[in-house]
């Protein structure tokens, strides 16, 4: 790790660090691309990252959403890709179809008439238009892992000419359960690719992806107009006082944390929040000082084993509790003692890992939080509170990915068997009253795959070896979905 006088940080295992670049120092084609989108200068992430991408260095780059990272990986493609070769040379993996469309649109504008063709490939829509785009000799493909894998399996997409692989919003990609598809996809890609990963945060799961997909990566961490390294991202949401419980549910659905502690100030509030989470189908339990010793030991054992996803606790119960790889800390209520905020937030981002500390505040609590921020000089970000429509969009993306992955795994016999229900599926979908049945089945499957408690080994002696093995696979799958 190297730190210069300006606070810029680069983890650089083998190569020398590179200086920032200005727009005027870029090749002419890149300057013209910037002019097409009206940039008079490069954004910090572009000035810092572009030299590394042009040098074909494998990078992990931390950059906030909206910081200009799309330009950071598209601009170098104008120099690195060959428009005269009618093959897919660059693959950009994104977590959602909305982001695929957004990145594709920005790419089209930046590329202009340079001769590089692009295609957006994502699930939830038909294949025909995507196949037509791919067969024209697309140079850059932007898509979600599941649909990219579909096209590779069906030979619609040829990966043997790939030279560049980009992961955009990698933290969201893993949290949405794409890991199994990405592992399968990896087997269809060339072994030695120029690979770069962009992400707003780097929890332990994202670092695991980096280790599996990127050879000897270098690390850059950027935030707005400066480069920095931080173990914990501090975030707050302004929440209506009477809507905190439902707001918590919406935030959890968007964030989809792999593991979290939710801190409350009172035992009564802990019990209430735990009950809300459990009724919504989440794997949650509570920890307060007035619970029996047996109950506390059972809960702590589940937490340390990594088999309890959400722990709702008071400060007294959680003091000294060290949970490896805890991805999120929620402060459902702001503590009156300012130091307690630091203690709570410190439960995540430990031992070199990164995490997210989320505070949920009403107007009164926002004043208290501002005082904490000033006292400890915390880099605190305000994020917009998710709406029901936001949650519906994210849940739809996740469920589509899960269902398409399951469909790919079905053998010919199962595919033939399921044809019996196509007519029924159409009939239910066309009826407003009966569509509730489909919604119920989808909801049950979503809860089972993303929010059901991690299974424990069966003790039933009547279980066959086959069923036990199936259970082991199920436990592994559920952990990965987190």
Protein backbone atom coordinates (compact mmCIF):
# COMPACT_ATOMS: atom_id res chain seq x y z
CA UNK A 1 0.00 0.00 0.00
CA UNK A 2 1.32 3.45 -0.94
CA UNK A 3 0.04 6.79 0.35
CA UNK A 4 1.20 10.03 -1.26
CA UNK A 5 1.09 13.57 0.10
CA UNK A 6 -2.39 14.16 -1.32
CA UNK A 7 -3.83 11.19 0.55
CA UNK A 8 -4.14 9.03 -2.54
CA UNK A 9 -3.91 5.35 -1.77
CA UNK A 10 -2.94 2.52 -4.05
CA UNK A 11 -2.47 -1.10 -3.09
CA UNK A 12 0.05 -2.09 -5.70
CA UNK A 13 1.60 -5.55 -5.40
CA UNK A 14 3.95 -5.51 -8.37
CA UNK A 15 3.77 -2.49 -10.66
CA UNK A 16 4.59 1.16 -10.14
CA UNK A 17 1.73 3.54 -9.40
CA UNK A 18 0.49 5.78 -12.19
CA UNK A 19 -0.20 9.51 -12.07
CA UNK A 20 -3.58 11.09 -12.67
CA UNK A 21 -4.32 12.07 -16.25
CA UNK A 22 -6.05 15.19 -17.59
CA UNK A 23 -8.51 15.29 -20.47
CA UNK A 24 -5.95 17.07 -22.65
CA UNK A 25 -3.44 14.26 -22.12
CA UNK A 26 -5.76 11.55 -23.43
CA UNK A 27 -5.61 10.21 -27.01
CA UNK A 28 -7.68 12.23 -29.47
CA UNK A 29 -10.47 9.62 -29.79
CA UNK A 30 -11.03 9.73 -26.02
CA UNK A 31 -11.11 13.55 -26.01
CA UNK A 32 -13.74 13.50 -28.76
CA UNK A 33 -15.82 11.02 -26.78
CA UNK A 34 -15.72 13.28 -23.72
CA UNK A 35 -16.78 16.21 -25.90
CA UNK A 36 -19.82 14.24 -27.11
CA UNK A 37 -21.15 14.06 -23.56
CA UNK A 38 -20.16 17.64 -22.73
CA UNK A 39 -17.26 16.97 -20.36
CA UNK A 40 -14.81 19.85 -20.08
CA UNK A 41 -12.62 17.86 -17.70
CA UNK A 42 -12.36 14.34 -16.30
CA UNK A 43 -14.09 13.36 -13.09
CA UNK A 44 -11.74 12.19 -10.27
CA UNK A 45 -12.46 8.49 -10.78
CA UNK A 46 -11.74 8.86 -14.50
CA UNK A 47 -8.54 10.85 -14.01
CA UNK A 48 -7.28 8.26 -11.54
CA UNK A 49 -8.49 5.02 -13.11
CA UNK A 50 -8.12 5.56 -16.87
CA UNK A 51 -4.28 5.32 -16.87
CA UNK A 52 -4.48 1.92 -15.16
CA UNK A 53 -7.06 0.60 -17.60
CA UNK A 54 -5.07 1.89 -20.59
CA UNK A 55 -2.05 0.06 -19.14
CA UNK A 56 -4.16 -3.13 -18.98
CA UNK A 57 -3.72 -3.50 -15.23
CA UNK A 58 -6.17 -5.66 -13.28
CA UNK A 59 -7.93 -3.28 -10.88
CA UNK A 60 -10.44 -3.18 -8.04
CA UNK A 61 -11.78 0.37 -7.92
CA UNK A 62 -14.02 1.74 -5.16
CA UNK A 63 -16.13 4.58 -6.50
CA UNK A 64 -19.50 5.87 -5.37
CA UNK A 65 -22.54 5.59 -7.60
CA UNK A 66 -22.77 8.66 -9.81
CA UNK A 67 -19.04 9.39 -9.63
CA UNK A 68 -18.46 8.90 -13.36
CA UNK A 69 -17.15 5.33 -13.25
CA UNK A 70 -18.93 4.31 -16.48
CA UNK A 71 -16.73 6.76 -18.36
CA UNK A 72 -13.72 5.41 -16.48
CA UNK A 73 -14.06 1.99 -18.10
CA UNK A 74 -15.68 2.96 -21.44
CA UNK A 75 -13.17 5.63 -22.48
CA UNK A 76 -10.19 3.22 -22.47
CA UNK A 77 -12.12 0.83 -24.73
CA UNK A 78 -11.84 3.34 -27.56
CA UNK A 79 -8.09 2.78 -27.42
CA UNK A 80 -7.98 -0.90 -26.43
CA UNK A 81 -10.59 -2.46 -28.75
CA UNK A 82 -10.26 -3.05 -32.49
CA UNK A 83 -13.30 -1.98 -34.51
CA UNK A 84 -12.03 -3.85 -37.57
CA UNK A 85 -12.43 -7.20 -35.79
CA UNK A 86 -16.16 -8.13 -35.79
CA UNK A 87 -16.01 -10.03 -32.50
CA UNK A 88 -17.06 -9.45 -28.89
CA UNK A 89 -13.92 -8.10 -27.25
CA UNK A 90 -15.30 -6.55 -24.05
CA UNK A 91 -17.91 -7.87 -21.60
CA UNK A 92 -19.47 -5.60 -18.97
CA UNK A 93 -21.38 -7.45 -16.22
CA UNK A 94 -24.03 -5.50 -14.29
CA UNK A 95 -26.58 -6.56 -11.63
CA UNK A 96 -29.83 -5.29 -13.17
CA UNK A 97 -31.47 -4.77 -16.53
CA UNK A 98 -32.04 -1.11 -15.70
CA UNK A 99 -28.31 -0.62 -15.15
CA UNK A 100 -27.58 -2.64 -18.32
CA UNK A 101 -29.76 -0.25 -20.32
CA UNK A 102 -28.23 2.79 -18.62
CA UNK A 103 -24.62 1.68 -19.21
CA UNK A 104 -25.47 0.71 -22.79
CA UNK A 105 -26.97 4.16 -23.50
CA UNK A 106 -23.92 5.94 -22.05
CA UNK A 107 -21.63 3.65 -24.02
CA UNK A 108 -23.45 4.40 -27.27
CA UNK A 109 -23.01 8.15 -26.74
CA UNK A 110 -19.34 7.89 -25.76
CA UNK A 111 -18.46 5.63 -28.68
CA UNK A 112 -20.20 7.80 -31.26
CA UNK A 113 -19.26 6.81 -34.83
CA UNK A 114 -15.97 5.13 -33.96
CA UNK A 115 -17.18 1.82 -35.42
CA UNK A 116 -17.52 -0.10 -32.15
CA UNK A 117 -20.91 -1.83 -31.88
CA UNK A 118 -22.65 -2.53 -28.55
CA UNK A 119 -25.49 -4.70 -27.29
CA UNK A 120 -27.48 -4.78 -24.05
CA UNK A 121 -28.34 -8.30 -22.85
CA UNK A 122 -30.57 -8.90 -19.83
CA UNK A 123 -33.31 -11.15 -18.50
CA UNK A 124 -37.06 -10.66 -18.29
CA UNK A 125 -37.45 -10.00 -22.04
CA UNK A 126 -37.39 -12.07 -25.22
CA UNK A 127 -34.24 -13.37 -26.89
CA UNK A 128 -34.88 -12.44 -30.53
CA UNK A 129 -33.65 -8.82 -30.52
CA UNK A 130 -30.64 -9.74 -28.39
CA UNK A 131 -29.65 -12.60 -30.72
CA UNK A 132 -29.93 -10.29 -33.71
CA UNK A 133 -27.66 -7.73 -32.04
CA UNK A 134 -25.08 -10.37 -31.07
CA UNK A 135 -24.93 -11.93 -34.54
CA UNK A 136 -24.04 -8.56 -36.11
CA UNK A 137 -20.56 -8.77 -34.63
CA UNK A 138 -20.96 -6.76 -31.44
CA UNK A 139 -17.69 -5.50 -29.94
CA UNK A 140 -19.00 -4.61 -26.44
CA UNK A 141 -21.71 -6.55 -24.62
CA UNK A 142 -23.36 -5.12 -21.50
CA UNK A 143 -25.50 -7.57 -19.58
CA UNK A 144 -26.64 -9.40 -16.49
CA UNK A 145 -24.75 -12.62 -15.62
CA UNK A 146 -27.74 -14.97 -16.03
CA UNK A 147 -28.74 -13.83 -19.51
CA UNK A 148 -25.08 -13.63 -20.63
CA UNK A 149 -24.70 -17.24 -19.49
CA UNK A 150 -27.84 -18.21 -21.45
CA UNK A 151 -26.40 -16.77 -24.66
CA UNK A 152 -23.05 -18.48 -24.09
CA UNK A 153 -24.74 -21.85 -23.54
CA UNK A 154 -26.88 -21.39 -26.67
CA UNK A 155 -23.80 -20.34 -28.71
CA UNK A 156 -25.33 -16.94 -29.48
CA UNK A 157 -22.29 -15.28 -27.89
CA UNK A 158 -18.70 -16.30 -28.64
CA UNK A 159 -16.25 -15.44 -25.86
CA UNK A 160 -13.01 -16.70 -27.38
CA UNK A 161 -12.07 -13.21 -28.67
CA UNK A 162 -12.72 -11.48 -25.34
CA UNK A 163 -9.84 -9.38 -24.02
CA UNK A 164 -11.55 -7.23 -21.36
CA UNK A 165 -13.97 -8.02 -18.50
CA UNK A 166 -15.65 -5.35 -16.36
CA UNK A 167 -17.73 -5.88 -13.19
CA UNK A 168 -19.92 -2.83 -12.56
CA UNK A 169 -21.55 -2.42 -9.11
CA UNK A 170 -20.02 -5.72 -8.04
CA UNK A 171 -21.27 -5.34 -4.46
CA UNK A 172 -24.89 -5.28 -5.63
CA UNK A 173 -24.26 -8.10 -8.06
CA UNK A 174 -23.27 -10.52 -5.33
CA UNK A 175 -25.98 -9.41 -2.93
CA UNK A 176 -28.58 -10.17 -5.61
CA UNK A 177 -27.52 -13.81 -5.73
CA UNK A 178 -25.64 -13.97 -9.03
CA UNK A 179 -22.63 -15.78 -7.59
CA UNK A 180 -23.56 -19.28 -8.85
CA UNK A 181 -24.19 -17.93 -12.36
CA UNK A 182 -20.92 -16.02 -12.28
CA UNK A 183 -18.99 -19.15 -11.36
CA UNK A 184 -20.61 -21.00 -14.28
CA UNK A 185 -19.99 -18.04 -16.57
CA UNK A 186 -16.31 -18.01 -15.57
CA UNK A 187 -15.92 -21.47 -17.09
CA UNK A 188 -16.96 -20.11 -20.49
CA UNK A 189 -14.52 -17.18 -20.52
CA UNK A 190 -10.85 -17.08 -21.53
CA UNK A 191 -8.53 -17.62 -18.56
CA UNK A 192 -6.36 -14.54 -19.02
CA UNK A 193 -8.51 -11.43 -19.33
CA UNK A 194 -7.81 -7.81 -18.52
CA UNK A 195 -10.28 -7.58 -15.63
CA UNK A 196 -11.50 -4.60 -13.60
CA UNK A 197 -14.10 -4.45 -10.84
CA UNK A 198 -15.97 -1.29 -9.84
CA UNK A 199 -17.98 -1.11 -6.63
CA UNK A 200 -19.29 1.47 -4.17
CA UNK A 201 -18.34 -0.72 -1.18
CA UNK A 202 -16.19 -3.78 -0.71
CA UNK A 203 -17.68 -6.14 1.88
CA UNK A 204 -15.99 -9.52 2.36
CA UNK A 205 -18.17 -11.22 -0.27
CA UNK A 206 -16.98 -8.82 -2.97
CA UNK A 207 -13.37 -9.48 -2.04
CA UNK A 208 -14.09 -13.17 -2.45
CA UNK A 209 -15.33 -12.51 -5.97
CA UNK A 210 -12.19 -10.49 -6.70
CA UNK A 211 -9.99 -13.37 -5.60
CA UNK A 212 -11.85 -15.79 -7.86
CA UNK A 213 -12.11 -13.57 -10.95
CA UNK A 214 -9.11 -11.25 -10.91
CA UNK A 215 -5.47 -12.27 -10.92
CA UNK A 216 -3.27 -10.16 -8.59
CA UNK A 217 -5.55 -7.09 -8.61
CA UNK A 218 -4.48 -3.61 -7.51
CA UNK A 219 -6.81 -1.51 -5.37
CA UNK A 220 -7.91 2.11 -5.75
CA UNK A 221 -10.44 3.69 -3.41
CA UNK A 222 -12.06 6.93 -4.53
CA UNK A 223 -14.67 9.21 -3.00
CA UNK A 224 -15.94 12.26 -4.85
CA UNK A 225 -12.92 14.55 -5.22
CA UNK A 226 -10.34 12.62 -3.23
CA UNK A 227 -8.93 9.15 -2.87
CA UNK A 228 -9.18 7.43 0.47
CA UNK A 229 -9.35 4.08 2.18
CA UNK A 230 -12.09 3.46 4.68
CA UNK A 231 -13.22 0.33 6.49
CA UNK A 232 -16.80 1.45 7.09
CA UNK A 233 -19.20 3.44 4.92
CA UNK A 234 -21.44 5.63 7.13
CA UNK A 235 -24.94 6.26 5.77
CA UNK A 236 -28.15 7.72 7.12
CA UNK A 237 -31.77 7.73 5.97
CA UNK A 238 -34.29 10.35 7.05
CA UNK A 239 -37.34 8.34 8.07
CA UNK A 240 -40.84 9.43 9.11
CA UNK A 241 -41.30 8.70 12.81
CA UNK A 242 -44.43 6.56 12.29
CA UNK A 243 -42.92 4.59 9.40
CA UNK A 244 -39.62 3.33 10.83
CA UNK A 245 -40.50 -0.34 10.84
CA UNK A 246 -41.67 -0.42 7.20
CA UNK A 247 -38.74 1.79 6.20
CA UNK A 248 -36.38 -0.75 7.78
CA UNK A 249 -37.95 -3.52 5.70
CA UNK A 250 -37.54 -1.51 2.49
CA UNK A 251 -33.90 -0.70 3.27
CA UNK A 252 -33.14 -4.35 4.04
CA UNK A 253 -34.73 -5.44 0.78
CA UNK A 254 -32.60 -2.97 -1.18
CA UNK A 255 -29.36 -3.62 0.71
CA UNK A 256 -29.90 -7.38 1.15
CA UNK A 257 -27.15 -7.62 3.81
CA UNK A 258 -25.38 -10.92 4.29
CA UNK A 259 -25.43 -10.38 8.07
CA UNK A 260 -26.43 -7.49 10.30
CA UNK A 261 -26.93 -6.24 13.83
CA UNK A 262 -29.85 -3.88 14.36
CA UNK A 263 -29.34 -1.74 17.47
CA UNK A 264 -32.23 -0.34 19.51
CA UNK A 265 -32.12 1.70 22.72
CA UNK A 266 -34.68 -0.28 24.71
CA UNK A 267 -35.61 -3.92 25.31
CA UNK A 268 -39.20 -3.22 24.25
CA UNK A 269 -38.04 -1.77 20.91
CA UNK A 270 -35.73 -4.76 20.35
CA UNK A 271 -38.63 -7.17 20.83
CA UNK A 272 -40.89 -5.12 18.54
CA UNK A 273 -38.35 -4.90 15.70
CA UNK A 274 -37.54 -8.61 15.99
CA UNK A 275 -41.22 -9.47 15.74
CA UNK A 276 -41.65 -7.25 12.67
CA UNK A 277 -38.70 -8.89 10.92
CA UNK A 278 -39.87 -12.40 11.74
CA UNK A 279 -43.41 -11.69 10.51
CA UNK A 280 -41.97 -10.46 7.23
CA UNK A 281 -40.16 -13.77 6.90
CA UNK A 282 -36.62 -12.74 7.86
CA UNK A 283 -34.23 -14.92 9.80
CA UNK A 284 -34.00 -12.76 12.95
CA UNK A 285 -33.66 -13.12 16.70
CA UNK A 286 -33.23 -10.77 19.66
CA UNK A 287 -30.59 -10.28 22.34
CA UNK A 288 -31.28 -8.29 25.51
CA UNK A 289 -29.99 -8.51 29.05
CA UNK A 290 -33.26 -9.77 30.53
CA UNK A 291 -33.41 -12.92 28.38
CA UNK A 292 -32.50 -16.23 29.99
CA UNK A 293 -28.88 -17.34 29.87
CA UNK A 294 -29.88 -20.38 27.82
CA UNK A 295 -31.62 -18.20 25.23
CA UNK A 296 -28.68 -15.78 25.00
CA UNK A 297 -26.19 -18.63 24.56
CA UNK A 298 -28.33 -20.19 21.83
CA UNK A 299 -28.60 -16.91 19.92
CA UNK A 300 -24.88 -16.16 20.28
CA UNK A 301 -24.01 -19.64 19.03
CA UNK A 302 -26.12 -19.08 15.89
CA UNK A 303 -24.50 -15.69 15.34
CA UNK A 304 -20.95 -17.04 15.63
CA UNK A 305 -21.77 -19.98 13.36
CA UNK A 306 -23.04 -17.56 10.73
CA UNK A 307 -26.47 -19.23 10.69
CA UNK A 308 -28.46 -16.27 12.05
CA UNK A 309 -28.71 -13.41 9.59
CA UNK A 310 -30.27 -10.60 11.65
CA UNK A 311 -29.55 -9.95 15.32
CA UNK A 312 -31.62 -7.24 17.02
CA UNK A 313 -29.96 -6.10 20.23
CA UNK A 314 -29.48 -3.48 22.90
CA UNK A 315 -26.01 -2.06 23.53
CA UNK A 316 -25.58 -3.91 26.82
CA UNK A 317 -26.24 -7.29 25.20
CA UNK A 318 -24.03 -6.62 22.17
CA UNK A 319 -21.01 -5.07 23.96
CA UNK A 320 -17.91 -7.08 23.26
CA UNK A 321 -19.69 -9.17 20.63
CA UNK A 322 -17.34 -9.82 17.70
CA UNK A 323 -18.98 -11.27 14.58
CA UNK A 324 -16.61 -12.14 11.74
CA UNK A 325 -17.47 -10.60 8.36
CA UNK A 326 -20.48 -8.62 9.63
CA UNK A 327 -21.58 -6.68 6.57
CA UNK A 328 -24.06 -4.16 8.05
CA UNK A 329 -24.89 -2.37 11.28
CA UNK A 330 -28.28 -0.66 11.55
CA UNK A 331 -28.91 1.99 14.20
CA UNK A 332 -32.68 1.86 14.40
CA UNK A 333 -32.47 4.47 17.15
CA UNK A 334 -29.63 6.96 17.70
CA UNK A 335 -27.97 6.49 21.11
CA UNK A 336 -27.91 9.37 23.58
CA UNK A 337 -24.25 8.72 24.33
CA UNK A 338 -22.22 9.79 21.29
CA UNK A 339 -19.47 7.23 21.92
CA UNK A 340 -22.02 4.45 21.67
CA UNK A 341 -22.55 5.33 18.00
CA UNK A 342 -18.85 4.66 17.34
CA UNK A 343 -19.02 1.42 19.32
CA UNK A 344 -22.04 0.23 17.32
CA UNK A 345 -20.60 1.19 13.93
CA UNK A 346 -17.35 -0.51 14.88
CA UNK A 347 -19.05 -3.92 14.89
CA UNK A 348 -18.60 -3.92 11.09
CA UNK A 349 -15.54 -3.09 8.97
CA UNK A 350 -13.26 -5.17 11.18
CA UNK A 351 -10.02 -7.04 10.52
CA UNK A 352 -9.40 -5.40 7.16
CA UNK A 353 -12.92 -6.02 5.86
CA UNK A 354 -15.34 -3.27 4.90
CA UNK A 355 -18.90 -2.72 6.00
CA UNK A 356 -21.85 -0.34 6.04
CA UNK A 357 -23.15 1.49 9.11
CA UNK A 358 -26.72 2.70 8.54
CA UNK A 359 -28.53 5.17 10.79
CA UNK A 360 -32.29 5.65 10.58
CA UNK A 361 -33.25 9.08 11.91
CA UNK A 362 -36.29 11.30 12.30
CA UNK A 363 -35.85 15.08 12.39
CA UNK A 364 -34.98 15.15 16.11
CA UNK A 365 -32.50 12.31 15.78
CA UNK A 366 -30.99 13.94 12.70
CA UNK A 367 -29.89 16.86 14.90
CA UNK A 368 -28.20 14.41 17.28
CA UNK A 369 -26.54 12.58 14.40
CA UNK A 370 -25.14 15.83 13.03
CA UNK A 371 -23.48 16.50 16.39
CA UNK A 372 -21.91 13.02 16.33
CA UNK A 373 -20.67 13.56 12.78
CA UNK A 374 -19.02 16.86 13.72
CA UNK A 375 -17.44 15.53 16.91
CA UNK A 376 -15.81 12.52 15.23
CA UNK A 377 -15.36 14.03 11.75
CA UNK A 378 -17.29 11.20 10.10
CA UNK A 379 -17.73 11.10 6.33
CA UNK A 380 -21.51 10.63 6.47
CA UNK A 381 -23.64 10.16 3.34
CA UNK A 382 -27.40 10.67 3.11
CA UNK A 383 -29.13 8.13 0.89
CA UNK A 384 -32.71 8.53 -0.38
CA UNK A 385 -35.24 6.37 1.41
CA UNK A 386 -36.37 3.54 -0.91
CA UNK A 387 -39.97 3.58 -2.05
CA UNK A 388 -42.24 0.59 -2.53
CA UNK A 389 -41.66 0.97 -6.28
CA UNK A 390 -37.88 0.83 -5.73
CA UNK A 391 -38.25 -2.38 -3.75
CA UNK A 392 -40.54 -3.90 -6.36
CA UNK A 393 -37.96 -3.19 -9.09
CA UNK A 394 -35.09 -4.74 -7.14
CA UNK A 395 -37.11 -7.77 -6.02
CA UNK A 396 -38.27 -8.36 -9.61
CA UNK A 397 -34.65 -8.32 -10.83
CA UNK A 398 -33.52 -10.77 -8.17
CA UNK A 399 -36.39 -13.16 -8.66
CA UNK A 400 -36.02 -13.13 -12.44
CA UNK A 401 -32.34 -14.05 -12.06
CA UNK A 402 -33.16 -16.87 -9.63
CA UNK A 403 -35.92 -18.32 -11.80
CA UNK A 404 -33.90 -18.15 -15.01
CA UNK A 405 -30.99 -19.89 -13.25
CA UNK A 406 -33.33 -22.63 -12.04
CA UNK A 407 -34.78 -23.03 -15.52
CA UNK A 408 -31.29 -23.52 -16.94
CA UNK A 409 -30.64 -26.33 -14.45
CA UNK A 410 -33.70 -28.36 -15.45
CA UNK A 411 -33.02 -31.50 -17.48
CA UNK A 412 -35.07 -32.58 -20.49
CA UNK A 413 -37.43 -34.75 -18.44
CA UNK A 414 -38.28 -31.91 -16.04
CA UNK A 415 -38.72 -29.51 -18.95
CA UNK A 416 -41.11 -31.93 -20.62
CA UNK A 417 -42.99 -32.45 -17.37
CA UNK A 418 -43.44 -28.72 -16.79
CA UNK A 419 -45.14 -28.27 -20.18
CA UNK A 420 -48.30 -29.66 -18.59
CA UNK A 421 -48.71 -26.40 -16.69
CA UNK A 422 -48.06 -23.84 -19.45
CA UNK A 423 -51.76 -23.48 -20.25
CA UNK A 424 -52.61 -23.09 -16.58
CA UNK A 425 -49.85 -20.48 -16.16
CA UNK A 426 -51.24 -18.43 -19.05
CA UNK A 427 -54.80 -18.72 -17.72
CA UNK A 428 -53.79 -17.59 -14.22
CA UNK A 429 -51.75 -14.68 -15.57
CA UNK A 430 -54.62 -13.45 -17.75
CA UNK A 431 -57.12 -13.40 -14.88
CA UNK A 432 -56.89 -10.48 -12.47
CA UNK A 433 -58.36 -12.54 -9.64
CA UNK A 434 -56.29 -15.67 -10.24
CA UNK A 435 -52.99 -13.78 -10.75
CA UNK A 436 -52.81 -13.62 -6.95
CA UNK A 437 -51.97 -17.33 -7.03
CA UNK A 438 -48.90 -16.68 -9.17
CA UNK A 439 -47.89 -13.79 -6.92
CA UNK A 440 -48.19 -16.05 -3.88
CA UNK A 441 -45.99 -18.75 -5.44
CA UNK A 442 -43.38 -16.22 -6.50
CA UNK A 443 -43.34 -14.65 -3.05
CA UNK A 444 -42.93 -18.05 -1.36
CA UNK A 445 -40.05 -18.96 -3.66
CA UNK A 446 -38.35 -15.60 -3.14
CA UNK A 447 -38.61 -15.90 0.64
CA UNK A 448 -37.31 -19.46 0.55
CA UNK A 449 -34.27 -18.55 -1.56
CA UNK A 450 -33.26 -15.23 0.02
CA UNK A 451 -34.75 -14.93 3.48
CA UNK A 452 -35.39 -18.39 4.90
CA UNK A 453 -33.18 -19.40 7.86
CA UNK A 454 -30.06 -21.37 6.97
CA UNK A 455 -30.88 -25.05 7.42
CA UNK A 456 -29.30 -27.10 10.17
CA UNK A 457 -28.01 -30.66 9.69
CA UNK A 458 -30.81 -33.16 10.00
CA UNK A 459 -30.71 -35.51 13.01
CA UNK A 460 -33.50 -37.71 11.76
CA UNK A 461 -32.10 -41.21 11.33
CA UNK A 462 -34.65 -41.99 8.66
CA UNK A 463 -33.11 -39.38 6.34
CA UNK A 464 -31.54 -41.04 3.34
CA UNK A 465 -27.96 -40.17 2.29
CA UNK A 466 -29.42 -38.54 -0.79
CA UNK A 467 -31.66 -36.22 1.18
CA UNK A 468 -28.83 -35.24 3.55
CA UNK A 469 -26.58 -34.40 0.64
CA UNK A 470 -29.34 -32.35 -0.90
CA UNK A 471 -29.67 -30.47 2.38
CA UNK A 472 -25.95 -29.66 2.40
CA UNK A 473 -26.23 -28.18 -1.09
CA UNK A 474 -29.25 -26.19 0.00
CA UNK A 475 -27.39 -24.67 2.95
CA UNK A 476 -24.50 -23.65 0.71
CA UNK A 477 -26.84 -22.11 -1.83
CA UNK A 478 -28.67 -20.03 0.76
CA UNK A 479 -25.48 -18.64 2.19
CA UNK A 480 -24.36 -17.60 -1.27
CA UNK A 481 -27.65 -15.85 -1.96
CA UNK A 482 -26.97 -13.56 1.00
